[in-house]
Each structure stands twice: as structure tokens, then as C-alpha cells.
Protein backbone atom coordinates (compact mmCIF):
# COMPACT_ATOMS: atom_id res chain seq x y z
CA UNK A 1 0.00 0.00 0.00
CA UNK A 2 2.90 2.34 0.76
CA UNK A 3 4.32 1.84 -2.73
CA UNK A 4 0.95 2.67 -4.30
CA UNK A 5 0.80 5.87 -2.27
CA UNK A 6 4.34 6.80 -3.38
CA UNK A 7 3.43 6.16 -7.01
CA UNK A 8 0.27 8.27 -6.71
CA UNK A 9 2.34 11.08 -5.23
CA UNK A 10 4.80 10.70 -8.11
CA UNK A 11 2.01 11.00 -10.71
CA UNK A 12 0.67 14.08 -8.95
CA UNK A 13 4.09 15.73 -8.80
CA UNK A 14 4.71 14.93 -12.47
CA UNK A 15 1.34 16.46 -13.27
CA UNK A 16 2.08 19.83 -11.66
CA UNK A 17 5.78 19.99 -12.49
CA UNK A 18 9.08 19.72 -10.69
CA UNK A 19 8.80 20.76 -7.03
CA UNK A 20 12.40 20.32 -5.92
CA UNK A 21 13.41 23.98 -5.88
CA UNK A 22 11.93 26.34 -3.33
CA UNK A 23 10.75 28.99 -5.79
CA UNK A 24 9.15 26.32 -7.98
CA UNK A 25 7.46 24.80 -4.93
CA UNK A 26 5.99 28.19 -4.08
CA UNK A 27 4.66 28.56 -7.63
CA UNK A 28 3.11 25.09 -7.43
CA UNK A 29 1.31 25.94 -4.19
CA UNK A 30 -0.01 29.15 -5.74
CA UNK A 31 -1.12 27.29 -8.86
CA UNK A 32 -2.91 24.58 -6.88
CA UNK A 33 -4.63 27.23 -4.77
CA UNK A 34 -5.81 29.06 -7.90
CA UNK A 35 -7.13 25.83 -9.43
CA UNK A 36 -8.96 24.91 -6.20
CA UNK A 37 -10.66 28.31 -5.96
CA UNK A 38 -11.67 28.15 -9.63
CA UNK A 39 -13.11 24.63 -9.21
CA UNK A 40 -15.15 25.67 -6.17
CA UNK A 41 -16.44 28.77 -7.95
CA UNK A 42 -17.44 26.72 -10.99
CA UNK A 43 -19.13 24.09 -8.81
CA UNK A 44 -21.22 26.75 -7.05
CA UNK A 45 -22.17 28.46 -10.32
CA UNK A 46 -23.06 25.24 -12.16
CA UNK A 47 -25.08 23.97 -9.19
CA UNK A 48 -27.09 27.19 -9.25
CA UNK A 49 -27.64 26.84 -13.02
CA UNK A 50 -28.85 23.26 -12.65
CA UNK A 51 -31.20 24.22 -9.82
CA UNK A 52 -32.69 27.05 -11.88
CA UNK A 53 -33.00 24.77 -14.90
CA UNK A 54 -34.77 22.10 -12.84
CA UNK A 55 -37.20 24.71 -11.49
CA UNK A 56 -37.87 26.02 -15.01
CA UNK A 57 -38.84 22.61 -16.42
CA UNK A 58 -40.64 21.40 -13.29
CA UNK A 59 -44.04 22.49 -14.63
CA UNK A 60 -43.52 20.16 -17.61
CA UNK A 61 -42.38 17.32 -15.31
CA UNK A 62 -39.01 17.24 -17.09
CA UNK A 63 -36.69 17.59 -14.10
CA UNK A 64 -34.85 14.52 -15.34
CA UNK A 65 -33.58 16.58 -18.30
CA UNK A 66 -31.21 18.23 -15.81
CA UNK A 67 -29.64 14.85 -15.17
CA UNK A 68 -29.46 14.26 -18.92
CA UNK A 69 -27.58 17.54 -19.30
CA UNK A 70 -25.08 16.73 -16.55
CA UNK A 71 -24.69 13.14 -17.72
CA UNK A 72 -24.08 14.07 -21.35
CA UNK A 73 -21.47 16.72 -20.46
CA UNK A 74 -19.71 14.38 -18.00
CA UNK A 75 -19.61 11.54 -20.52
CA UNK A 76 -18.52 13.92 -23.27
CA UNK A 77 -15.58 15.31 -21.30
CA UNK A 78 -14.62 11.91 -19.86
CA UNK A 79 -14.54 10.34 -23.32
CA UNK A 80 -12.52 13.29 -24.65
CA UNK A 81 -9.94 12.79 -21.88
CA UNK A 82 -9.88 9.06 -22.56
CA UNK A 83 -9.34 9.63 -26.27
CA UNK A 84 -6.44 11.97 -25.54
CA UNK A 85 -4.47 8.76 -25.06
CA UNK A 86 -4.90 8.11 -28.76
CA UNK A 87 -1.39 9.39 -29.38
CA UNK A 88 -0.25 6.06 -27.98
CA UNK A 89 3.17 4.60 -27.49
CA UNK A 90 5.38 7.62 -26.95
CA UNK A 91 4.13 8.88 -23.60
CA UNK A 92 5.31 11.22 -20.90
CA UNK A 93 5.72 8.70 -18.10
CA UNK A 94 8.49 6.91 -16.29
CA UNK A 95 7.13 3.37 -16.63
CA UNK A 96 10.44 1.85 -17.68
CA UNK A 97 12.26 3.45 -14.76
CA UNK A 98 9.56 2.33 -12.30
CA UNK A 99 9.76 -1.25 -13.57
CA UNK A 100 13.50 -1.22 -12.85
CA UNK A 101 12.82 -0.16 -9.24
CA UNK A 102 11.43 -2.34 -6.41
CA UNK A 103 7.82 -1.79 -7.51
CA UNK A 104 5.57 -4.61 -8.57
CA UNK A 105 3.80 -4.31 -11.90
CA UNK A 106 0.42 -4.62 -10.19
CA UNK A 107 1.30 -1.66 -7.93
CA UNK A 108 2.20 0.49 -10.94
CA UNK A 109 -1.04 -0.46 -12.69
CA UNK A 110 -3.19 0.20 -9.61
CA UNK A 111 -1.58 3.58 -8.97
CA UNK A 112 -1.97 4.64 -12.60
CA UNK A 113 -5.61 3.52 -12.68
CA UNK A 114 -6.35 5.37 -9.42
CA UNK A 115 -4.75 8.57 -10.73
CA UNK A 116 -6.87 8.46 -13.88
CA UNK A 117 -9.94 7.58 -11.85
CA UNK A 118 -9.32 10.63 -9.67
CA UNK A 119 -9.07 13.00 -12.66
CA UNK A 120 -12.30 11.69 -14.18
CA UNK A 121 -14.01 11.80 -10.79
CA UNK A 122 -13.17 15.52 -10.66
CA UNK A 123 -14.99 15.99 -13.97
CA UNK A 124 -18.03 14.14 -12.64
CA UNK A 125 -17.94 16.20 -9.44
CA UNK A 126 -17.90 19.44 -11.43
CA UNK A 127 -20.70 18.56 -13.86
CA UNK A 128 -22.85 15.56 -12.92
CA UNK A 129 -22.85 16.18 -9.15
CA UNK A 130 -24.33 19.72 -9.55
CA UNK A 131 -26.97 18.27 -11.88
CA UNK A 132 -27.78 15.62 -9.28
CA UNK A 133 -28.10 18.26 -6.55
CA UNK A 134 -30.35 20.38 -8.76
CA UNK A 135 -32.53 17.39 -9.61
CA UNK A 136 -32.88 16.12 -6.04
CA UNK A 137 -33.62 19.65 -4.75
CA UNK A 138 -36.61 20.03 -7.10
CA UNK A 139 -38.13 16.56 -6.74
CA UNK A 140 -39.43 14.54 -3.79
CA UNK A 141 -36.57 12.61 -2.24
CA UNK A 142 -36.29 9.05 -3.50
CA UNK A 143 -33.73 6.57 -2.25
CA UNK A 144 -33.76 4.81 -5.63
CA UNK A 145 -32.97 8.05 -7.48
CA UNK A 146 -30.23 8.88 -4.97
CA UNK A 147 -28.65 5.44 -5.30
CA UNK A 148 -28.99 5.55 -9.08
CA UNK A 149 -27.15 8.88 -9.31
CA UNK A 150 -24.47 7.61 -6.92
CA UNK A 151 -23.86 4.50 -9.01
CA UNK A 152 -23.66 6.57 -12.21
CA UNK A 153 -21.08 8.88 -10.57
CA UNK A 154 -18.92 5.84 -9.85
CA UNK A 155 -19.41 4.18 -13.24
CA UNK A 156 -18.46 7.15 -15.44
CA UNK A 157 -14.84 7.42 -14.16
CA UNK A 158 -14.42 3.63 -14.30
CA UNK A 159 -15.64 3.57 -17.90
CA UNK A 160 -13.30 6.43 -18.83
CA UNK A 161 -10.28 4.64 -17.32
CA UNK A 162 -11.04 1.43 -19.19
CA UNK A 163 -11.68 3.28 -22.45
CA UNK A 164 -8.42 5.25 -22.16
CA UNK A 165 -6.42 2.03 -21.77
CA UNK A 166 -8.20 0.34 -24.68
CA UNK A 167 -7.67 3.30 -27.00
CA UNK A 168 -4.07 3.64 -25.83
CA UNK A 169 -3.38 0.00 -26.67
CA UNK A 170 -4.83 0.11 -30.17
CA UNK A 171 -3.22 3.47 -30.93
CA UNK A 172 0.16 2.08 -29.88
CA UNK A 173 -0.22 -1.10 -31.92
CA UNK A 174 -1.64 0.59 -35.02
CA UNK A 175 0.25 3.89 -35.22
CA UNK A 176 3.56 3.74 -33.37
CA UNK A 177 5.56 1.77 -35.94
CA UNK A 178 3.66 2.99 -38.99
CA UNK A 179 5.51 5.00 -41.65
CA UNK A 180 2.67 7.50 -41.77
CA UNK A 181 1.80 7.17 -38.10
CA UNK A 182 1.65 10.90 -37.35
CA UNK A 183 -0.60 11.63 -40.34
CA UNK A 184 -2.87 8.71 -39.48
CA UNK A 185 -3.12 9.81 -35.86
CA UNK A 186 -3.96 13.38 -36.86
CA UNK A 187 -6.67 12.29 -39.31
CA UNK A 188 -8.08 9.77 -36.87
CA UNK A 189 -8.07 12.44 -34.17
CA UNK A 190 -10.14 14.82 -36.30
CA UNK A 191 -12.61 12.09 -37.27
CA UNK A 192 -13.06 11.05 -33.65
CA UNK A 193 -13.57 14.64 -32.52
CA UNK A 194 -16.11 15.30 -35.28
CA UNK A 195 -18.00 12.14 -34.32
CA UNK A 196 -18.02 13.04 -30.63
CA UNK A 197 -19.21 16.59 -31.32
CA UNK A 198 -21.96 15.24 -33.61
CA UNK A 199 -23.17 12.84 -30.91
CA UNK A 200 -23.02 15.61 -28.31
CA UNK A 201 -25.03 17.96 -30.52
CA UNK A 202 -27.63 15.22 -31.09
CA UNK A 203 -28.11 14.72 -27.38
CA UNK A 204 -28.29 18.45 -26.73
CA UNK A 205 -30.83 18.83 -29.55
CA UNK A 206 -33.05 16.22 -27.90
CA UNK A 207 -32.33 17.31 -24.34
CA UNK A 208 -35.91 18.15 -23.37
CA UNK A 209 -37.59 15.47 -25.45
CA UNK A 210 -39.95 13.09 -23.61
CA UNK A 211 -37.86 10.16 -24.83
CA UNK A 212 -34.71 11.44 -23.11
CA UNK A 213 -36.61 12.17 -19.90
CA UNK A 214 -38.13 8.67 -19.91
CA UNK A 215 -34.72 7.14 -20.57
CA UNK A 216 -33.17 8.91 -17.57
CA UNK A 217 -36.16 8.16 -15.33
CA UNK A 218 -35.83 4.52 -16.34
CA UNK A 219 -32.12 4.69 -15.56
CA UNK A 220 -32.51 6.17 -12.07
CA UNK A 221 -35.36 3.93 -10.92
CA UNK A 222 -32.64 1.64 -9.57
CA UNK A 223 -33.89 -1.42 -11.42
CA UNK A 224 -31.51 -4.17 -10.25
CA UNK A 225 -31.27 -5.75 -13.70
CA UNK A 226 -30.54 -2.44 -15.39
CA UNK A 227 -27.76 -1.56 -12.99
CA UNK A 228 -26.39 -5.08 -13.00
CA UNK A 229 -26.05 -4.84 -16.78
CA UNK A 230 -24.43 -1.39 -16.57
CA UNK A 231 -22.03 -2.42 -13.83
CA UNK A 232 -21.11 -5.60 -15.71
CA UNK A 233 -20.44 -3.69 -18.93
CA UNK A 234 -18.34 -1.01 -17.25
CA UNK A 235 -16.36 -3.55 -15.21
CA UNK A 236 -15.71 -5.58 -18.36
CA UNK A 237 -14.37 -2.46 -20.09
CA UNK A 238 -12.27 -1.59 -17.03
CA UNK A 239 -10.80 -5.10 -16.71
CA UNK A 240 -10.15 -5.37 -20.46
CA UNK A 241 -8.41 -2.00 -20.45
CA UNK A 242 -6.15 -2.94 -17.54
CA UNK A 243 -5.30 -6.27 -19.17
CA UNK A 244 -4.30 -4.48 -22.38
CA UNK A 245 -2.29 -1.99 -20.33
CA UNK A 246 -0.46 -4.91 -18.72
CA UNK A 247 0.46 -6.11 -22.20
CA UNK A 248 1.86 -2.68 -23.03
CA UNK A 249 3.99 -2.71 -19.89
CA UNK A 250 5.70 -5.84 -21.22
CA UNK A 251 6.53 -4.29 -24.60
CA UNK A 252 10.24 -3.53 -24.88
CA UNK A 253 9.61 -1.12 -27.74
CA UNK A 254 7.64 1.29 -25.56
CA UNK A 255 10.11 4.16 -25.31
CA UNK A 256 9.77 7.86 -24.98
CA UNK A 257 11.18 10.66 -27.03
CA UNK A 258 10.82 14.40 -27.40
CA UNK A 259 10.38 16.00 -30.76
CA UNK A 260 11.26 19.54 -31.71
CA UNK A 261 10.82 21.43 -34.93
CA UNK A 262 13.63 23.71 -35.98
CA UNK A 263 12.75 27.27 -36.82
CA UNK A 264 12.94 27.89 -40.53
CA UNK A 265 15.50 30.45 -41.65
CA UNK A 266 14.22 30.79 -45.23
CA UNK A 267 11.60 33.39 -44.38
CA UNK A 268 12.34 37.07 -44.54
CA UNK A 269 11.34 38.06 -41.00
CA UNK A 270 11.78 36.41 -37.59
CA UNK A 271 8.08 36.95 -36.85
CA UNK A 272 6.98 34.94 -39.90
CA UNK A 273 9.56 32.26 -39.09
CA UNK A 274 8.28 31.75 -35.54
CA UNK A 275 4.65 31.86 -36.69
CA UNK A 276 5.34 29.20 -39.31
CA UNK A 277 7.18 27.12 -36.73
CA UNK A 278 4.14 27.27 -34.42
CA UNK A 279 1.84 26.29 -37.31
CA UNK A 280 4.00 23.34 -38.38
CA UNK A 281 4.39 22.08 -34.84
CA UNK A 282 0.64 22.27 -34.22
CA UNK A 283 -0.55 20.48 -37.35
CA UNK A 284 2.17 17.82 -37.07
CA UNK A 285 1.12 16.91 -33.53
CA UNK A 286 -1.94 14.75 -33.00
CA UNK A 287 -1.63 15.40 -29.26
CA UNK A 288 -1.94 19.17 -29.67
CA UNK A 289 -4.83 18.91 -32.12
CA UNK A 290 -6.76 16.47 -29.96
CA UNK A 291 -6.36 18.64 -26.87
CA UNK A 292 -7.09 22.03 -28.42
CA UNK A 293 -9.03 21.73 -31.69
CA UNK A 294 -12.27 20.81 -29.96
CA UNK A 295 -13.28 24.48 -29.62
CA UNK A 296 -13.54 25.27 -33.37
CA UNK A 297 -15.38 22.00 -33.95
CA UNK A 298 -17.96 22.90 -31.29
CA UNK A 299 -18.40 26.35 -32.87
CA UNK A 300 -19.03 24.71 -36.25
CA UNK A 301 -21.41 22.20 -34.65
CA UNK A 302 -23.37 24.94 -32.87
CA UNK A 303 -23.59 26.91 -36.11
CA UNK A 304 -24.95 23.93 -38.06
CA UNK A 305 -27.45 23.24 -35.27
CA UNK A 306 -28.66 26.86 -35.23
CA UNK A 307 -28.93 27.07 -39.02
CA UNK A 308 -30.81 23.77 -39.40
CA UNK A 309 -33.11 24.37 -36.43
CA UNK A 310 -33.35 28.16 -37.00
CA UNK A 311 -32.24 28.60 -33.40
CA UNK A 312 -35.58 27.45 -31.97
CA UNK A 313 -34.39 24.64 -29.69
CA UNK A 314 -31.29 26.30 -28.23
CA UNK A 315 -32.99 29.65 -27.59
CA UNK A 316 -36.00 27.91 -26.05
CA UNK A 317 -33.71 25.98 -23.70
CA UNK A 318 -31.90 29.17 -22.68
CA UNK A 319 -35.09 31.20 -22.25
CA UNK A 320 -36.78 28.45 -20.24
CA UNK A 321 -33.73 27.96 -18.04
CA UNK A 322 -32.93 31.59 -17.27
CA UNK A 323 -36.28 33.30 -17.93
CA UNK A 324 -34.96 35.62 -20.66
CA UNK A 325 -36.16 36.80 -24.05
CA UNK A 326 -35.05 35.06 -27.28
CA UNK A 327 -32.93 38.10 -28.21
CA UNK A 328 -31.01 37.82 -24.94
CA UNK A 329 -30.79 34.10 -25.69
CA UNK A 330 -28.76 34.90 -28.81
CA UNK A 331 -26.47 37.02 -26.63
CA UNK A 332 -25.85 33.88 -24.57
CA UNK A 333 -25.15 32.06 -27.85
CA UNK A 334 -22.36 34.59 -28.46
CA UNK A 335 -20.99 33.76 -25.02
CA UNK A 336 -21.22 30.04 -25.87
CA UNK A 337 -19.11 30.75 -28.96
CA UNK A 338 -16.60 32.43 -26.67
CA UNK A 339 -16.74 29.42 -24.32
CA UNK A 340 -15.95 27.07 -27.20
CA UNK A 341 -12.98 29.21 -28.18
CA UNK A 342 -11.63 28.97 -24.64
CA UNK A 343 -11.10 25.24 -25.22
CA UNK A 344 -8.37 26.19 -27.72
CA UNK A 345 -5.34 27.47 -25.81
CA UNK A 346 -2.05 26.37 -27.47
CA UNK A 347 -0.40 29.56 -26.21
CA UNK A 348 -0.70 28.16 -22.67
CA UNK A 349 2.01 25.59 -23.41
CA UNK A 350 3.77 27.00 -26.49
CA UNK A 351 6.76 28.22 -24.46
CA UNK A 352 6.95 24.95 -22.53
CA UNK A 353 7.12 23.02 -25.82
CA UNK A 354 10.40 24.75 -26.63
CA UNK A 355 11.80 22.60 -23.82
CA UNK A 356 15.55 22.42 -23.49
CA UNK A 357 15.87 23.98 -26.96
CA UNK A 358 14.64 27.33 -25.61
CA UNK A 359 18.23 28.59 -25.44
CA UNK A 360 18.41 28.37 -29.25
CA UNK A 361 15.45 30.70 -29.60
CA UNK A 362 16.81 33.08 -26.98
CA UNK A 363 20.29 33.12 -28.54
CA UNK A 364 18.89 34.41 -31.83
CA UNK A 365 18.73 38.18 -32.42
CA UNK A 366 14.96 38.16 -32.03
CA UNK A 367 13.31 40.55 -29.52
CA UNK A 368 11.17 38.89 -26.86
CA UNK A 369 8.04 40.78 -27.90
CA UNK A 370 8.21 39.24 -31.40
CA UNK A 371 8.38 35.72 -29.96
CA UNK A 372 5.47 36.33 -27.58
CA UNK A 373 3.37 38.04 -30.27
CA UNK A 374 3.85 35.17 -32.73
CA UNK A 375 2.85 32.57 -30.15
CA UNK A 376 -0.24 34.53 -29.12
CA UNK A 377 -1.24 35.38 -32.69
CA UNK A 378 -1.23 31.72 -33.74
CA UNK A 379 -3.72 31.03 -30.96
CA UNK A 380 -5.93 33.87 -32.24
CA UNK A 381 -5.73 32.75 -35.88
CA UNK A 382 -6.67 29.21 -34.94
CA UNK A 383 -10.12 30.21 -33.67
CA UNK A 384 -11.08 33.74 -34.72
CA UNK A 385 -11.53 33.17 -38.50
CA UNK A 386 -13.85 30.21 -37.85
CA UNK A 387 -15.78 32.19 -35.25
CA UNK A 388 -16.16 35.19 -37.58
CA UNK A 389 -17.39 33.09 -40.52
CA UNK A 390 -19.89 31.22 -38.32
CA UNK A 391 -21.15 34.48 -36.80
CA UNK A 392 -21.69 36.01 -40.24
CA UNK A 393 -23.59 32.90 -41.40
CA UNK A 394 -25.85 32.91 -38.34
CA UNK A 395 -26.52 36.63 -38.53
CA UNK A 396 -27.29 36.50 -42.26
CA UNK A 397 -29.40 33.33 -42.43
CA UNK A 398 -31.39 33.93 -39.23
CA UNK A 399 -31.83 37.67 -39.96
CA UNK A 400 -30.59 38.73 -36.54
CA UNK A 401 -30.59 42.36 -35.46
CA UNK A 402 -27.38 44.39 -35.97
CA UNK A 403 -26.96 44.56 -32.19
CA UNK A 404 -26.90 40.77 -31.79
CA UNK A 405 -24.66 40.47 -34.84
CA UNK A 406 -22.13 42.80 -33.20
CA UNK A 407 -22.24 40.66 -30.05
CA UNK A 408 -21.77 37.43 -32.04
CA UNK A 409 -18.83 38.97 -33.85
CA UNK A 410 -16.89 40.77 -31.12
CA UNK A 411 -17.49 38.82 -27.88
CA UNK A 412 -15.84 35.58 -29.16
CA UNK A 413 -13.10 37.60 -30.90
CA UNK A 414 -12.16 39.57 -27.78
CA UNK A 415 -12.32 36.40 -25.69
CA UNK A 416 -9.93 34.63 -28.09
CA UNK A 417 -7.44 37.50 -27.83
CA UNK A 418 -7.73 37.33 -24.04
CA UNK A 419 -7.12 33.57 -24.01
CA UNK A 420 -4.12 33.89 -26.32
CA UNK A 421 -2.26 36.53 -24.31
CA UNK A 422 -3.28 35.21 -20.89
CA UNK A 423 -2.08 31.78 -22.02
CA UNK A 424 1.35 33.22 -22.81
CA UNK A 425 1.53 34.97 -19.44
CA UNK A 426 0.39 31.93 -17.45
CA UNK A 427 2.92 29.78 -19.30
CA UNK A 428 5.65 32.26 -18.37
CA UNK A 429 4.62 31.99 -14.72
CA UNK A 430 4.40 28.17 -14.80
CA UNK A 431 6.79 26.93 -17.51
CA UNK A 432 7.45 23.22 -17.86
CA UNK A 433 10.67 23.03 -19.86
CA UNK A 434 11.76 19.55 -18.75
CA UNK A 435 9.61 16.72 -20.10
CA UNK A 436 9.98 13.42 -21.90
CA UNK A 437 7.34 14.02 -24.57
CA UNK A 438 5.13 16.88 -25.68
CA UNK A 439 2.12 15.24 -24.02
CA UNK A 440 3.59 16.14 -20.61
CA UNK A 441 3.81 19.85 -21.45
CA UNK A 442 0.35 19.86 -23.03
CA UNK A 443 -1.77 17.73 -20.71
CA UNK A 444 0.15 17.66 -17.43
CA UNK A 445 1.11 21.30 -16.97
CA UNK A 446 -0.15 23.80 -14.44
CA UNK A 447 -0.59 26.48 -17.10
CA UNK A 448 -3.00 24.35 -19.15
CA UNK A 449 -5.16 23.55 -16.14
CA UNK A 450 -5.29 27.19 -15.01
CA UNK A 451 -6.26 28.41 -18.48
CA UNK A 452 -9.00 25.82 -18.93
CA UNK A 453 -10.55 26.34 -15.49
CA UNK A 454 -10.04 30.11 -15.56
CA UNK A 455 -11.82 30.29 -18.90
CA UNK A 456 -14.76 28.39 -17.45
CA UNK A 457 -15.04 30.88 -14.59
CA UNK A 458 -14.86 33.81 -17.05
CA UNK A 459 -17.73 32.40 -19.10
CA UNK A 460 -19.73 31.66 -15.95
CA UNK A 461 -19.22 35.27 -14.85
CA UNK A 462 -20.38 36.64 -18.21
CA UNK A 463 -23.51 34.46 -18.17
CA UNK A 464 -24.29 35.49 -14.59
CA UNK A 465 -23.79 39.15 -15.54
CA UNK A 466 -26.24 38.87 -18.45
CA UNK A 467 -28.87 37.18 -16.30
CA UNK A 468 -28.42 39.69 -13.48
CA UNK A 469 -28.65 42.76 -15.74
CA UNK A 470 -31.53 41.49 -17.90
CA UNK A 471 -34.63 43.47 -17.03
CA UNK A 472 -32.63 46.23 -15.33
CA UNK A 473 -30.82 47.57 -18.40
CA UNK A 474 -31.57 47.58 -22.14
CA UNK A 475 -29.87 44.99 -24.30
CA UNK A 476 -27.53 47.52 -25.92
CA UNK A 477 -26.22 48.53 -22.48
CA UNK A 478 -25.62 44.88 -21.49
CA UNK A 479 -23.69 44.20 -24.70
CA UNK A 480 -21.67 47.40 -24.24
CA UNK A 481 -20.79 46.42 -20.66
CA UNK A 482 -19.64 42.93 -21.69
CA UNK A 483 -17.56 44.20 -24.62
CA UNK A 484 -16.13 46.94 -22.39
CA UNK A 485 -15.12 44.43 -19.70
CA UNK A 486 -13.44 42.19 -22.28
CA UNK A 487 -11.65 45.17 -23.83
CA UNK A 488 -10.30 46.28 -20.46
CA UNK A 489 -9.07 42.77 -19.63
CA UNK A 490 -7.52 42.47 -23.10
CA UNK A 491 -5.63 45.74 -22.65
CA UNK A 492 -4.37 44.59 -19.25
CA UNK A 493 -3.28 41.22 -20.69
CA UNK A 494 -1.45 42.86 -23.61
CA UNK A 495 0.24 45.38 -21.32
CA UNK A 496 1.45 42.67 -18.95
CA UNK A 497 2.68 40.53 -21.84
CA UNK A 498 4.79 43.31 -23.37
CA UNK A 499 6.21 44.54 -20.05
CA UNK A 500 6.40 41.87 -17.35
CA UNK A 501 6.15 39.04 -19.90
CA UNK A 502 9.22 40.18 -21.83
CA UNK A 503 11.31 40.35 -18.66
CA UNK A 504 10.14 36.90 -17.56
CA UNK A 505 10.91 35.42 -20.99
CA UNK A 506 14.43 36.86 -20.93
CA UNK A 507 15.01 35.30 -17.49
CA UNK A 508 13.91 31.78 -18.49
């Protein structure tokens, strides 16, 4: 048991970075504190949203749709995290070193499974648990419903752990030794993401349908046969995944490496050279695309949904949940576009990906502000063009008012700029320059976690502001306040990047 605890501690330390130096330890404590506060704030906000949503649909006897919402989001995010292991084979771990130490293979497997279970349990706690609280608060207490929700909260992380191991195994076997492995992984990544977004949009489109409500009510009635089947299926997936992971531990070819892309010197300006380097590195990395390209896909999916459905379903859900007019509902759609863009934050680990080769970049006669601008601009260019095109399509096809069109155009754009420059600054505060593969800098860095959770809190604050001001101020004033707030934060982020950020980059 002691060895398992040591291994769990090792995985945690690897996840937040090296803590051996005093100044780094202080940064880690600050980062963990920030993440904890953000998680608690999000939990409180999402619980309030689920409670209000359950109250809004109570007159239609559709309280179970709240559970559907929490369940779909939890499954969606858990599956996304499981499929992040699709890069397979070359991983940021120390499995080979651990096997050479006095640790049993079963202890390594148990510790790794528990660490993944803990991460997925955090997702369930932040999304499905608030939905459960909102549902139980608006319905008569039922022990069967309570037990059903509890079992589901345990099954989702188990399923995600098993799925991650299964996908990891097949990705390693199919792609690692392939001549076109990187291209195949990138294409497969995009296809998987498109499929997941399509399934997610289908569930959200039918969120308040009687069929979905009946399905969830049937699920939470605590029918012994239903739950026996679910538990058996999830346990089978979990056991199969761990068995396949044990096979991978025995593979001698499972090694790690770190890739770097040299900066091209054929271009005329350093800025274009660094920007091209960022572009090449991004589109040659299935890991980066899988972890950050979800935002543009969700924006495209939302646009298709709105155009096909003429915005009826989404605006009706928003108006019923928050008691707002359809026009204000489209303002929330603009904020949802901004929320999708927040999922794309390559600037939050772009400096870390330079790794031990950072000295090459710093030794070149390139000013720090050019490096930081290129890294932030790539983040902006990755999302903003898609967001602008989708906003124009929605505004034109649905004949929205010029006021809503301005909101759809500028709120996501300003949010993307904020994410890009804040990502650079957070990465300068919490750099992770020592890693075995790019997956460590992308998925196991403090800066990535802070950006993702901080973006969620920003979106929650904007939604709460819209709901609070609706009825007190005209729509034009609300939009002006939101755009003004984003502009002020953008100016602060840019100022910090080009003053404090330059000094921090030169000291790395």
C-alpha cells in the first residue's frame, strides 16, 4: 500500500511539475490554490444553473432533463480525456524506470488507474454532481434516485479509465511503428472529434424530449437488472483496459522521445519564421490537435445546429432555463461561442514546448516581444476566422438584429485574444521546460489547467452578468458592458505581456 501511495504522489508531482526547488514549490502551491478556488467557484455556479434549470422545467415534469444535461457533459468530457491517449506509445511517463525499481507491476497499474480515476471523478464532481443536486432539490426525495445517481457517478470514471487504456493500446499497436503514423493519428483524431461533437449535438438537440426524460427516469429507478447490466459492462471495459495496459507494460519497444521542430531560416522576417514554426508544430502533432481543436469543432457544430433548427431549440432551452427573451438568448449564444474558443489554448504551453531547446530561440537576435506576439497570434488565428465566418452565417441566415450580430462577432473575438495573451503569461509563470514528450507539457502542466478552469469561470461570470442585468438595463447597455469588460481585460493582458512578460521570458 505504501508503494501505491508513493506512485500516486509521483504522478501528482509529475502532473504539476518539478517541485524540488523552493521557488518552484511556491509557484506550485499558488497554482494549486488558484485551481482549487476556480473549481469551487465553478461548482457553485453550475449547481445554481442546474437548480434554476430544474425549477424552469418542473411544470412540464421534465426535471430529469437536468440529469441528462449533466450526464451528457460528464460523458462527453470523460470520453474526450480518454481519447487523448490516442497518441499512444510515446508517452510522458516513467514506466520503464519504475519497472526497474522495487515496484511490482500490479502496484504500478493500480496507482496509474487510481490517478486516472481521480481525474475523471473531478470531472463528474464538477458537472454531474451539480446536476444531481439540482434534480434532487426540485423533486421529492427518492432513495432509488439517490442510489442511481451515486452508481452513475462511480461508473463514469471507471468507464473512462477502461476506455483510455483500450484506446491507448490500439493506438500504440496501429500507429507507433507505422511509416505515416503521425498523419494517421492526426486524421483519426479529427474524425473522432467530429464524431463526438456530432453525438453531443444530437443529445443536446433532444435534451428536453420526452424520450430522453423517460430514458433517464428509467435509468434512475434503480432497477436491479438495469444496474447489474451497466455495472457488468463497465467492469468488463475496465478489466479489459487494464489487461491491455499490462500487455503494453511488457513491450520492450515502448520508449519515450521528445520532438522539436527547428525554426525555418528561409523566411524574410523572424516573426513569420516563428509563426510558421508554431503552425507546423501544431498540425504535425496529434496530441496538440486532440487537446485544443475541440473548440472550433464545437463552434461549427453549434452553427450547423442553429442554421438547421433556426435557433428554436437552443434559444427555447436558454429562455426556459434563465427566464430571458429570445434576443437575450442569442447574446448567450455569443458567449457560448466564446466558451468554445476557450477550449483552444495552445499559447498556454507553447513556451513549454520549446523545452531544453529554448536557449536556441533566446540566442537568436529576435526581440522577446516578437516571440510572444507570434505565439499569441497563432492562438488567435486558430479560432477567430472560424468564429467570424460562423457568426456572419448565423446573422445572415437567421436575420438577426445588428446589435446581436455585433455581439456574435466581437465577444468571441475579444475572448480569443484574451485567451491567447493570458495563455502566454500563465505559461511564463508556470513553464514546464523539462519533459519526456510533448504530451507532458500539453496535458500535465499547471498552465493548461489554469487556463482551462479560468476560462470556465470567465464564461460563468459573463452568463451570470447577463442574467443579473436582464430586465434592469436595455440589451444595448448589457452588450456594451460585456464588450467593455473584455476590452479592459484584453488591454491589461497585452500590457502585462509586453512589459512583465518580456522580462520573464528573458530570465527563463
